[in-house]
mmCIF file of all heavy atoms, coordinates in Angstrom:
data_MODEL
# 
_entry.id   MODEL 
# 
loop_
_atom_site.group_PDB 
_atom_site.id 
_atom_site.type_symbol 
_atom_site.label_atom_id 
_atom_site.label_alt_id 
_atom_site.label_comp_id 
_atom_site.label_asym_id 
_atom_site.label_entity_id 
_atom_site.label_seq_id 
_atom_site.pdbx_PDB_ins_code 
_atom_site.Cartn_x 
_atom_site.Cartn_y 
_atom_site.Cartn_z 
_atom_site.occupancy 
_atom_site.B_iso_or_equiv 
_atom_site.pdbx_formal_charge 
_atom_site.auth_seq_id 
_atom_site.auth_comp_id 
_atom_site.auth_asym_id 
_atom_site.auth_atom_id 
_atom_site.pdbx_PDB_model_num 
ATOM 1   N N   . ALA A 1 1  ? 0.815  -1.222 0.000   1.00 0.00 ? 1  ALA A N   1 
ATOM 2   C CA  . ALA A 1 1  ? 0.000  0.000  0.000   1.00 0.00 ? 1  ALA A CA  1 
ATOM 3   C C   . ALA A 1 1  ? 0.851  1.275  0.000   1.00 0.00 ? 1  ALA A C   1 
ATOM 4   O O   . ALA A 1 1  ? 0.622  2.178  -0.815  1.00 0.00 ? 1  ALA A O   1 
ATOM 5   C CB  . ALA A 1 1  ? -0.959 -0.009 1.182   1.00 0.00 ? 1  ALA A CB  1 
ATOM 6   N N   . PRO A 1 2  ? 1.864  1.407  0.872   1.00 0.00 ? 2  PRO A N   1 
ATOM 7   C CA  . PRO A 1 2  ? 2.689  2.621  0.835   1.00 0.00 ? 2  PRO A CA  1 
ATOM 8   C C   . PRO A 1 2  ? 3.417  2.792  -0.500  1.00 0.00 ? 2  PRO A C   1 
ATOM 9   O O   . PRO A 1 2  ? 3.534  3.906  -1.005  1.00 0.00 ? 2  PRO A O   1 
ATOM 10  C CB  . PRO A 1 2  ? 3.683  2.406  1.992   1.00 0.00 ? 2  PRO A CB  1 
ATOM 11  C CG  . PRO A 1 2  ? 3.004  1.440  2.898   1.00 0.00 ? 2  PRO A CG  1 
ATOM 12  C CD  . PRO A 1 2  ? 2.223  0.534  2.002   1.00 0.00 ? 2  PRO A CD  1 
ATOM 13  N N   . ALA A 1 3  ? 3.904  1.687  -1.071  1.00 0.00 ? 3  ALA A N   1 
ATOM 14  C CA  . ALA A 1 3  ? 4.621  1.767  -2.343  1.00 0.00 ? 3  ALA A CA  1 
ATOM 15  C C   . ALA A 1 3  ? 3.708  2.259  -3.458  1.00 0.00 ? 3  ALA A C   1 
ATOM 16  O O   . ALA A 1 3  ? 4.105  3.066  -4.302  1.00 0.00 ? 3  ALA A O   1 
ATOM 17  C CB  . ALA A 1 3  ? 5.211  0.402  -2.697  1.00 0.00 ? 3  ALA A CB  1 
ATOM 18  N N   . GLU A 1 4  ? 2.469  1.752  -3.486  1.00 0.00 ? 4  GLU A N   1 
ATOM 19  C CA  . GLU A 1 4  ? 1.524  2.184  -4.515  1.00 0.00 ? 4  GLU A CA  1 
ATOM 20  C C   . GLU A 1 4  ? 1.184  3.660  -4.353  1.00 0.00 ? 4  GLU A C   1 
ATOM 21  O O   . GLU A 1 4  ? 1.067  4.395  -5.345  1.00 0.00 ? 4  GLU A O   1 
ATOM 22  C CB  . GLU A 1 4  ? 0.266  1.325  -4.438  1.00 0.00 ? 4  GLU A CB  1 
ATOM 23  C CG  . GLU A 1 4  ? 0.496  -0.126 -4.865  1.00 0.00 ? 4  GLU A CG  1 
ATOM 24  C CD  . GLU A 1 4  ? -0.698 -1.008 -4.571  1.00 0.00 ? 4  GLU A CD  1 
ATOM 25  O OE1 . GLU A 1 4  ? -1.688 -0.490 -4.006  1.00 0.00 ? 4  GLU A OE1 1 
ATOM 26  O OE2 . GLU A 1 4  ? -0.648 -2.201 -4.915  1.00 0.00 ? 4  GLU A OE2 1 
ATOM 27  N N   . ALA A 1 5  ? 1.033  4.092  -3.126  1.00 0.00 ? 5  ALA A N   1 
ATOM 28  C CA  . ALA A 1 5  ? 0.748  5.508  -2.876  1.00 0.00 ? 5  ALA A CA  1 
ATOM 29  C C   . ALA A 1 5  ? 1.917  6.384  -3.333  1.00 0.00 ? 5  ALA A C   1 
ATOM 30  O O   . ALA A 1 5  ? 1.715  7.447  -3.940  1.00 0.00 ? 5  ALA A O   1 
ATOM 31  C CB  . ALA A 1 5  ? 0.460  5.732  -1.392  1.00 0.00 ? 5  ALA A CB  1 
ATOM 32  N N   . ARG A 1 6  ? 3.141  5.926  -3.068  1.00 0.00 ? 6  ARG A N   1 
ATOM 33  C CA  . ARG A 1 6  ? 4.323  6.684  -3.505  1.00 0.00 ? 6  ARG A CA  1 
ATOM 34  C C   . ARG A 1 6  ? 4.391  6.762  -5.030  1.00 0.00 ? 6  ARG A C   1 
ATOM 35  O O   . ARG A 1 6  ? 4.773  7.794  -5.584  1.00 0.00 ? 6  ARG A O   1 
ATOM 36  C CB  . ARG A 1 6  ? 5.591  6.035  -2.941  1.00 0.00 ? 6  ARG A CB  1 
ATOM 37  C CG  . ARG A 1 6  ? 5.807  6.246  -1.443  1.00 0.00 ? 6  ARG A CG  1 
ATOM 38  C CD  . ARG A 1 6  ? 7.226  5.885  -1.031  1.00 0.00 ? 6  ARG A CD  1 
ATOM 39  N NE  . ARG A 1 6  ? 7.540  4.491  -1.310  1.00 0.00 ? 6  ARG A NE  1 
ATOM 40  C CZ  . ARG A 1 6  ? 7.348  3.499  -0.440  1.00 0.00 ? 6  ARG A CZ  1 
ATOM 41  N NH1 . ARG A 1 6  ? 6.816  3.758  0.759   1.00 0.00 ? 6  ARG A NH1 1 
ATOM 42  N NH2 . ARG A 1 6  ? 7.674  2.253  -0.753  1.00 0.00 ? 6  ARG A NH2 1 
ATOM 43  N N   . ALA A 1 7  ? 4.040  5.675  -5.714  1.00 0.00 ? 7  ALA A N   1 
ATOM 44  C CA  . ALA A 1 7  ? 4.079  5.658  -7.176  1.00 0.00 ? 7  ALA A CA  1 
ATOM 45  C C   . ALA A 1 7  ? 3.075  6.647  -7.762  1.00 0.00 ? 7  ALA A C   1 
ATOM 46  O O   . ALA A 1 7  ? 3.375  7.369  -8.722  1.00 0.00 ? 7  ALA A O   1 
ATOM 47  C CB  . ALA A 1 7  ? 3.796  4.248  -7.687  1.00 0.00 ? 7  ALA A CB  1 
ATOM 48  N N   . ARG A 1 8  ? 1.873  6.690  -7.185  1.00 0.00 ? 8  ARG A N   1 
ATOM 49  C CA  . ARG A 1 8  ? 0.866  7.642  -7.670  1.00 0.00 ? 8  ARG A CA  1 
ATOM 50  C C   . ARG A 1 8  ? 1.324  9.078  -7.450  1.00 0.00 ? 8  ARG A C   1 
ATOM 51  O O   . ARG A 1 8  ? 1.179  9.945  -8.318  1.00 0.00 ? 8  ARG A O   1 
ATOM 52  C CB  . ARG A 1 8  ? -0.470 7.391  -6.956  1.00 0.00 ? 8  ARG A CB  1 
ATOM 53  C CG  . ARG A 1 8  ? -1.171 6.103  -7.392  1.00 0.00 ? 8  ARG A CG  1 
ATOM 54  C CD  . ARG A 1 8  ? -2.600 6.081  -6.874  1.00 0.00 ? 8  ARG A CD  1 
ATOM 55  N NE  . ARG A 1 8  ? -2.664 6.081  -5.422  1.00 0.00 ? 8  ARG A NE  1 
ATOM 56  C CZ  . ARG A 1 8  ? -2.679 4.978  -4.671  1.00 0.00 ? 8  ARG A CZ  1 
ATOM 57  N NH1 . ARG A 1 8  ? -2.613 3.783  -5.247  1.00 0.00 ? 8  ARG A NH1 1 
ATOM 58  N NH2 . ARG A 1 8  ? -2.752 5.059  -3.353  1.00 0.00 ? 8  ARG A NH2 1 
ATOM 59  N N   . GLU A 1 9  ? 1.905  9.314  -6.282  1.00 0.00 ? 9  GLU A N   1 
ATOM 60  C CA  . GLU A 1 9  ? 2.404  10.659 -5.975  1.00 0.00 ? 9  GLU A CA  1 
ATOM 61  C C   . GLU A 1 9  ? 3.534  11.058 -6.926  1.00 0.00 ? 9  GLU A C   1 
ATOM 62  O O   . GLU A 1 9  ? 3.590  12.192 -7.402  1.00 0.00 ? 9  GLU A O   1 
ATOM 63  C CB  . GLU A 1 9  ? 2.894  10.699 -4.530  1.00 0.00 ? 9  GLU A CB  1 
ATOM 64  C CG  . GLU A 1 9  ? 3.409  12.062 -4.091  1.00 0.00 ? 9  GLU A CG  1 
ATOM 65  C CD  . GLU A 1 9  ? 3.975  12.032 -2.679  1.00 0.00 ? 9  GLU A CD  1 
ATOM 66  O OE1 . GLU A 1 9  ? 3.774  11.010 -1.977  1.00 0.00 ? 9  GLU A OE1 1 
ATOM 67  O OE2 . GLU A 1 9  ? 4.613  13.014 -2.277  1.00 0.00 ? 9  GLU A OE2 1 
ATOM 68  N N   . ALA A 1 10 ? 4.428  10.101 -7.236  1.00 0.00 ? 10 ALA A N   1 
ATOM 69  C CA  . ALA A 1 10 ? 5.561  10.384 -8.126  1.00 0.00 ? 10 ALA A CA  1 
ATOM 70  C C   . ALA A 1 10 ? 5.083  10.704 -9.535  1.00 0.00 ? 10 ALA A C   1 
ATOM 71  O O   . ALA A 1 10 ? 5.636  11.590 -10.205 1.00 0.00 ? 10 ALA A O   1 
ATOM 72  C CB  . ALA A 1 10 ? 6.513  9.196  -8.144  1.00 0.00 ? 10 ALA A CB  1 
ATOM 73  N N   . ALA A 1 11 ? 4.069  9.984  -10.027 1.00 0.00 ? 11 ALA A N   1 
ATOM 74  C CA  . ALA A 1 11 ? 3.552  10.230 -11.375 1.00 0.00 ? 11 ALA A CA  1 
ATOM 75  C C   . ALA A 1 11 ? 2.955  11.628 -11.476 1.00 0.00 ? 11 ALA A C   1 
ATOM 76  O O   . ALA A 1 11 ? 3.178  12.357 -12.459 1.00 0.00 ? 11 ALA A O   1 
ATOM 77  C CB  . ALA A 1 11 ? 2.511  9.170  -11.733 1.00 0.00 ? 11 ALA A CB  1 
ATOM 78  N N   . THR A 1 12 ? 2.215  12.022 -10.472 1.00 0.00 ? 12 THR A N   1 
ATOM 79  C CA  . THR A 1 12 ? 1.622  13.359 -10.464 1.00 0.00 ? 12 THR A CA  1 
ATOM 80  C C   . THR A 1 12 ? 2.702  14.431 -10.415 1.00 0.00 ? 12 THR A C   1 
ATOM 81  O O   . THR A 1 12 ? 2.651  15.440 -11.132 1.00 0.00 ? 12 THR A O   1 
ATOM 82  C CB  . THR A 1 12 ? 0.686  13.506 -9.246  1.00 0.00 ? 12 THR A CB  1 
ATOM 83  O OG1 . THR A 1 12 ? -0.333 12.502 -9.317  1.00 0.00 ? 12 THR A OG1 1 
ATOM 84  C CG2 . THR A 1 12 ? 0.043  14.885 -9.227  1.00 0.00 ? 12 THR A CG2 1 
ATOM 85  N N   . ARG A 1 13 ? 3.708  14.189 -9.579  1.00 0.00 ? 13 ARG A N   1 
ATOM 86  C CA  . ARG A 1 13 ? 4.797  15.157 -9.440  1.00 0.00 ? 13 ARG A CA  1 
ATOM 87  C C   . ARG A 1 13 ? 5.613  15.266 -10.729 1.00 0.00 ? 13 ARG A C   1 
ATOM 88  O O   . ARG A 1 13 ? 6.015  16.354 -11.128 1.00 0.00 ? 13 ARG A O   1 
ATOM 89  C CB  . ARG A 1 13 ? 5.692  14.748 -8.273  1.00 0.00 ? 13 ARG A CB  1 
ATOM 90  C CG  . ARG A 1 13 ? 6.698  15.831 -7.870  1.00 0.00 ? 13 ARG A CG  1 
ATOM 91  C CD  . ARG A 1 13 ? 7.302  15.511 -6.513  1.00 0.00 ? 13 ARG A CD  1 
ATOM 92  N NE  . ARG A 1 13 ? 7.884  14.187 -6.497  1.00 0.00 ? 13 ARG A NE  1 
ATOM 93  C CZ  . ARG A 1 13 ? 7.695  13.283 -5.543  1.00 0.00 ? 13 ARG A CZ  1 
ATOM 94  N NH1 . ARG A 1 13 ? 6.904  13.560 -4.529  1.00 0.00 ? 13 ARG A NH1 1 
ATOM 95  N NH2 . ARG A 1 13 ? 8.289  12.100 -5.588  1.00 0.00 ? 13 ARG A NH2 1 
ATOM 96  N N   . ARG A 1 14 ? 5.818  14.145 -11.409 1.00 0.00 ? 14 ARG A N   1 
ATOM 97  C CA  . ARG A 1 14 ? 6.580  14.140 -12.663 1.00 0.00 ? 14 ARG A CA  1 
ATOM 98  C C   . ARG A 1 14 ? 5.872  14.986 -13.721 1.00 0.00 ? 14 ARG A C   1 
ATOM 99  O O   . ARG A 1 14 ? 6.498  15.783 -14.418 1.00 0.00 ? 14 ARG A O   1 
ATOM 100 C CB  . ARG A 1 14 ? 6.729  12.695 -13.158 1.00 0.00 ? 14 ARG A CB  1 
ATOM 101 C CG  . ARG A 1 14 ? 7.166  12.539 -14.603 1.00 0.00 ? 14 ARG A CG  1 
ATOM 102 C CD  . ARG A 1 14 ? 8.608  12.874 -14.802 1.00 0.00 ? 14 ARG A CD  1 
ATOM 103 N NE  . ARG A 1 14 ? 9.021  12.636 -16.177 1.00 0.00 ? 14 ARG A NE  1 
ATOM 104 C CZ  . ARG A 1 14 ? 10.195 12.946 -16.669 1.00 0.00 ? 14 ARG A CZ  1 
ATOM 105 N NH1 . ARG A 1 14 ? 11.101 13.492 -15.882 1.00 0.00 ? 14 ARG A NH1 1 
ATOM 106 N NH2 . ARG A 1 14 ? 10.498 12.701 -17.917 1.00 0.00 ? 14 ARG A NH2 1 
ATOM 107 N N   . GLU A 1 15 ? 4.569  14.834 -13.839 1.00 0.00 ? 15 GLU A N   1 
ATOM 108 C CA  . GLU A 1 15 ? 3.807  15.616 -14.811 1.00 0.00 ? 15 GLU A CA  1 
ATOM 109 C C   . GLU A 1 15 ? 3.921  17.099 -14.520 1.00 0.00 ? 15 GLU A C   1 
ATOM 110 O O   . GLU A 1 15 ? 4.121  17.921 -15.433 1.00 0.00 ? 15 GLU A O   1 
ATOM 111 C CB  . GLU A 1 15 ? 2.341  15.166 -14.786 1.00 0.00 ? 15 GLU A CB  1 
ATOM 112 C CG  . GLU A 1 15 ? 1.483  15.809 -15.863 1.00 0.00 ? 15 GLU A CG  1 
ATOM 113 C CD  . GLU A 1 15 ? 0.066  15.270 -15.859 1.00 0.00 ? 15 GLU A CD  1 
ATOM 114 O OE1 . GLU A 1 15 ? -0.194 14.259 -15.170 1.00 0.00 ? 15 GLU A OE1 1 
ATOM 115 O OE2 . GLU A 1 15 ? -0.795 15.868 -16.532 1.00 0.00 ? 15 GLU A OE2 1 
ATOM 116 N N   . ALA A 1 16 ? 3.848  17.452 -13.248 1.00 0.00 ? 16 ALA A N   1 
ATOM 117 C CA  . ALA A 1 16 ? 3.978  18.859 -12.867 1.00 0.00 ? 16 ALA A CA  1 
ATOM 118 C C   . ALA A 1 16 ? 5.385  19.382 -13.140 1.00 0.00 ? 16 ALA A C   1 
ATOM 119 O O   . ALA A 1 16 ? 5.562  20.523 -13.587 1.00 0.00 ? 16 ALA A O   1 
ATOM 120 C CB  . ALA A 1 16 ? 3.624  19.025 -11.388 1.00 0.00 ? 16 ALA A CB  1 
ATOM 121 N N   . ASP A 1 17 ? 6.397  18.538 -12.909 1.00 0.00 ? 17 ASP A N   1 
ATOM 122 C CA  . ASP A 1 17 ? 7.781  18.945 -13.140 1.00 0.00 ? 17 ASP A CA  1 
ATOM 123 C C   . ASP A 1 17 ? 8.036  19.247 -14.616 1.00 0.00 ? 17 ASP A C   1 
ATOM 124 O O   . ASP A 1 17 ? 8.736  20.207 -14.963 1.00 0.00 ? 17 ASP A O   1 
ATOM 125 C CB  . ASP A 1 17 ? 8.742  17.853 -12.662 1.00 0.00 ? 17 ASP A CB  1 
ATOM 126 C CG  . ASP A 1 17 ? 8.852  17.800 -11.149 1.00 0.00 ? 17 ASP A CG  1 
ATOM 127 O OD1 . ASP A 1 17 ? 8.419  18.756 -10.485 1.00 0.00 ? 17 ASP A OD1 1 
ATOM 128 O OD2 . ASP A 1 17 ? 9.370  16.781 -10.635 1.00 0.00 ? 17 ASP A OD2 1 
ATOM 129 N N   . VAL A 1 18 ? 7.504  18.397 -15.514 1.00 0.00 ? 18 VAL A N   1 
ATOM 130 C CA  . VAL A 1 18 ? 7.710  18.607 -16.951 1.00 0.00 ? 18 VAL A CA  1 
ATOM 131 C C   . VAL A 1 18 ? 7.048  19.906 -17.392 1.00 0.00 ? 18 VAL A C   1 
ATOM 132 O O   . VAL A 1 18 ? 7.631  20.695 -18.155 1.00 0.00 ? 18 VAL A O   1 
ATOM 133 C CB  . VAL A 1 18 ? 7.174  17.405 -17.758 1.00 0.00 ? 18 VAL A CB  1 
ATOM 134 C CG1 . VAL A 1 18 ? 7.207  17.713 -19.253 1.00 0.00 ? 18 VAL A CG1 1 
ATOM 135 C CG2 . VAL A 1 18 ? 7.997  16.161 -17.465 1.00 0.00 ? 18 VAL A CG2 1 
ATOM 136 N N   . ASP A 1 19 ? 5.826  20.155 -16.931 1.00 0.00 ? 19 ASP A N   1 
ATOM 137 C CA  . ASP A 1 19 ? 5.147  21.405 -17.277 1.00 0.00 ? 19 ASP A CA  1 
ATOM 138 C C   . ASP A 1 19 ? 5.944  22.607 -16.783 1.00 0.00 ? 19 ASP A C   1 
ATOM 139 O O   . ASP A 1 19 ? 6.124  23.601 -17.504 1.00 0.00 ? 19 ASP A O   1 
ATOM 140 C CB  . ASP A 1 19 ? 3.746  21.423 -16.662 1.00 0.00 ? 19 ASP A CB  1 
ATOM 141 C CG  . ASP A 1 19 ? 2.792  20.462 -17.359 1.00 0.00 ? 19 ASP A CG  1 
ATOM 142 O OD1 . ASP A 1 19 ? 3.097  20.063 -18.508 1.00 0.00 ? 19 ASP A OD1 1 
ATOM 143 O OD2 . ASP A 1 19 ? 1.764  20.100 -16.760 1.00 0.00 ? 19 ASP A OD2 1 
ATOM 144 N N   . TYR A 1 20 ? 6.425  22.521 -15.575 1.00 0.00 ? 20 TYR A N   1 
ATOM 145 C CA  . TYR A 1 20 ? 7.215  23.618 -15.016 1.00 0.00 ? 20 TYR A CA  1 
ATOM 146 C C   . TYR A 1 20 ? 8.511  23.819 -15.802 1.00 0.00 ? 20 TYR A C   1 
ATOM 147 O O   . TYR A 1 20 ? 8.909  24.952 -16.105 1.00 0.00 ? 20 TYR A O   1 
ATOM 148 C CB  . TYR A 1 20 ? 7.521  23.325 -13.551 1.00 0.00 ? 20 TYR A CB  1 
ATOM 149 C CG  . TYR A 1 20 ? 8.557  24.249 -12.939 1.00 0.00 ? 20 TYR A CG  1 
ATOM 150 C CD1 . TYR A 1 20 ? 8.289  25.597 -12.733 1.00 0.00 ? 20 TYR A CD1 1 
ATOM 151 C CD2 . TYR A 1 20 ? 9.811  23.751 -12.579 1.00 0.00 ? 20 TYR A CD2 1 
ATOM 152 C CE1 . TYR A 1 20 ? 9.232  26.434 -12.183 1.00 0.00 ? 20 TYR A CE1 1 
ATOM 153 C CE2 . TYR A 1 20 ? 10.764 24.588 -12.033 1.00 0.00 ? 20 TYR A CE2 1 
ATOM 154 C CZ  . TYR A 1 20 ? 10.468 25.934 -11.835 1.00 0.00 ? 20 TYR A CZ  1 
ATOM 155 O OH  . TYR A 1 20 ? 11.414 26.757 -11.295 1.00 0.00 ? 20 TYR A OH  1 
ATOM 156 N N   . ALA A 1 21 ? 9.167  22.701 -16.186 1.00 0.00 ? 21 ALA A N   1 
ATOM 157 C CA  . ALA A 1 21 ? 10.434 22.787 -16.909 1.00 0.00 ? 21 ALA A CA  1 
ATOM 158 C C   . ALA A 1 21 ? 10.256 23.479 -18.255 1.00 0.00 ? 21 ALA A C   1 
ATOM 159 O O   . ALA A 1 21 ? 11.113 24.263 -18.684 1.00 0.00 ? 21 ALA A O   1 
ATOM 160 C CB  . ALA A 1 21 ? 11.016 21.386 -17.099 1.00 0.00 ? 21 ALA A CB  1 
ATOM 161 N N   . ARG A 1 22 ? 9.152  23.216 -18.939 1.00 0.00 ? 22 ARG A N   1 
ATOM 162 C CA  . ARG A 1 22 ? 8.912  23.863 -20.237 1.00 0.00 ? 22 ARG A CA  1 
ATOM 163 C C   . ARG A 1 22 ? 8.838  25.381 -20.074 1.00 0.00 ? 22 ARG A C   1 
ATOM 164 O O   . ARG A 1 22 ? 9.377  26.136 -20.894 1.00 0.00 ? 22 ARG A O   1 
ATOM 165 C CB  . ARG A 1 22 ? 7.619  23.331 -20.852 1.00 0.00 ? 22 ARG A CB  1 
ATOM 166 C CG  . ARG A 1 22 ? 7.713  21.894 -21.346 1.00 0.00 ? 22 ARG A CG  1 
ATOM 167 C CD  . ARG A 1 22 ? 6.557  21.563 -22.291 1.00 0.00 ? 22 ARG A CD  1 
ATOM 168 N NE  . ARG A 1 22 ? 6.634  20.161 -22.701 1.00 0.00 ? 22 ARG A NE  1 
ATOM 169 C CZ  . ARG A 1 22 ? 5.938  19.180 -22.165 1.00 0.00 ? 22 ARG A CZ  1 
ATOM 170 N NH1 . ARG A 1 22 ? 5.098  19.437 -21.166 1.00 0.00 ? 22 ARG A NH1 1 
ATOM 171 N NH2 . ARG A 1 22 ? 6.056  17.943 -22.603 1.00 0.00 ? 22 ARG A NH2 1 
ATOM 172 N N   . LYS A 1 23 ? 8.179  25.834 -19.022 1.00 0.00 ? 23 LYS A N   1 
ATOM 173 C CA  . LYS A 1 23 ? 8.057  27.269 -18.787 1.00 0.00 ? 23 LYS A CA  1 
ATOM 174 C C   . LYS A 1 23 ? 9.411  27.890 -18.450 1.00 0.00 ? 23 LYS A C   1 
ATOM 175 O O   . LYS A 1 23 ? 9.735  28.997 -18.900 1.00 0.00 ? 23 LYS A O   1 
ATOM 176 C CB  . LYS A 1 23 ? 7.070  27.522 -17.653 1.00 0.00 ? 23 LYS A CB  1 
ATOM 177 C CG  . LYS A 1 23 ? 5.638  27.085 -17.991 1.00 0.00 ? 23 LYS A CG  1 
ATOM 178 C CD  . LYS A 1 23 ? 4.721  27.204 -16.786 1.00 0.00 ? 23 LYS A CD  1 
ATOM 179 C CE  . LYS A 1 23 ? 3.328  26.675 -17.101 1.00 0.00 ? 23 LYS A CE  1 
ATOM 180 N NZ  . LYS A 1 23 ? 2.438  26.689 -15.910 1.00 0.00 ? 23 LYS A NZ  1 
ATOM 181 N N   . VAL A 1 24 ? 10.219 27.157 -17.655 1.00 0.00 ? 24 VAL A N   1 
ATOM 182 C CA  . VAL A 1 24 ? 11.540 27.665 -17.291 1.00 0.00 ? 24 VAL A CA  1 
ATOM 183 C C   . VAL A 1 24 ? 12.418 27.816 -18.516 1.00 0.00 ? 24 VAL A C   1 
ATOM 184 O O   . VAL A 1 24 ? 13.093 28.835 -18.716 1.00 0.00 ? 24 VAL A O   1 
ATOM 185 C CB  . VAL A 1 24 ? 12.209 26.731 -16.263 1.00 0.00 ? 24 VAL A CB  1 
ATOM 186 C CG1 . VAL A 1 24 ? 13.674 27.115 -16.061 1.00 0.00 ? 24 VAL A CG1 1 
ATOM 187 C CG2 . VAL A 1 24 ? 11.467 26.789 -14.939 1.00 0.00 ? 24 VAL A CG2 1 
ATOM 188 N N   . ILE A 1 25 ? 12.413 26.784 -19.392 1.00 0.00 ? 25 ILE A N   1 
ATOM 189 C CA  . ILE A 1 25 ? 13.292 26.784 -20.568 1.00 0.00 ? 25 ILE A CA  1 
ATOM 190 C C   . ILE A 1 25 ? 12.930 27.924 -21.511 1.00 0.00 ? 25 ILE A C   1 
ATOM 191 O O   . ILE A 1 25 ? 13.794 28.500 -22.171 1.00 0.00 ? 25 ILE A O   1 
ATOM 192 C CB  . ILE A 1 25 ? 13.218 25.414 -21.272 1.00 0.00 ? 25 ILE A CB  1 
ATOM 193 C CG1 . ILE A 1 25 ? 13.941 24.369 -20.401 1.00 0.00 ? 25 ILE A CG1 1 
ATOM 194 C CG2 . ILE A 1 25 ? 13.846 25.461 -22.655 1.00 0.00 ? 25 ILE A CG2 1 
ATOM 195 C CD1 . ILE A 1 25 ? 13.816 22.956 -20.904 1.00 0.00 ? 25 ILE A CD1 1 
ATOM 196 N N   . GLU A 1 26 ? 11.647 28.269 -21.578 1.00 0.00 ? 26 GLU A N   1 
ATOM 197 C CA  . GLU A 1 26 ? 11.230 29.379 -22.436 1.00 0.00 ? 26 GLU A CA  1 
ATOM 198 C C   . GLU A 1 26 ? 11.870 30.695 -22.004 1.00 0.00 ? 26 GLU A C   1 
ATOM 199 O O   . GLU A 1 26 ? 12.048 31.605 -22.812 1.00 0.00 ? 26 GLU A O   1 
ATOM 200 C CB  . GLU A 1 26 ? 9.703  29.514 -22.409 1.00 0.00 ? 26 GLU A CB  1 
ATOM 201 C CG  . GLU A 1 26 ? 8.980  28.377 -23.121 1.00 0.00 ? 26 GLU A CG  1 
ATOM 202 C CD  . GLU A 1 26 ? 7.471  28.472 -22.945 1.00 0.00 ? 26 GLU A CD  1 
ATOM 203 O OE1 . GLU A 1 26 ? 7.011  29.442 -22.277 1.00 0.00 ? 26 GLU A OE1 1 
ATOM 204 O OE2 . GLU A 1 26 ? 6.755  27.591 -23.463 1.00 0.00 ? 26 GLU A OE2 1 
ATOM 205 N N   . ASN A 1 27 ? 12.221 30.802 -20.737 1.00 0.00 ? 27 ASN A N   1 
ATOM 206 C CA  . ASN A 1 27 ? 12.737 32.064 -20.199 1.00 0.00 ? 27 ASN A CA  1 
ATOM 207 C C   . ASN A 1 27 ? 14.235 32.069 -19.935 1.00 0.00 ? 27 ASN A C   1 
ATOM 208 O O   . ASN A 1 27 ? 14.777 33.056 -19.438 1.00 0.00 ? 27 ASN A O   1 
ATOM 209 C CB  . ASN A 1 27 ? 12.010 32.393 -18.886 1.00 0.00 ? 27 ASN A CB  1 
ATOM 210 C CG  . ASN A 1 27 ? 10.522 32.568 -19.096 1.00 0.00 ? 27 ASN A CG  1 
ATOM 211 O OD1 . ASN A 1 27 ? 10.098 33.239 -20.027 1.00 0.00 ? 27 ASN A OD1 1 
ATOM 212 N ND2 . ASN A 1 27 ? 9.718  31.955 -18.231 1.00 0.00 ? 27 ASN A ND2 1 
# 
């Protein structure tokens, strides 16, 4: 259960990181 919760959290965080990185690179 903890491992599955960590995986879901990591996937959400990864998506947010990529979106943020695109904005940073533009500037």
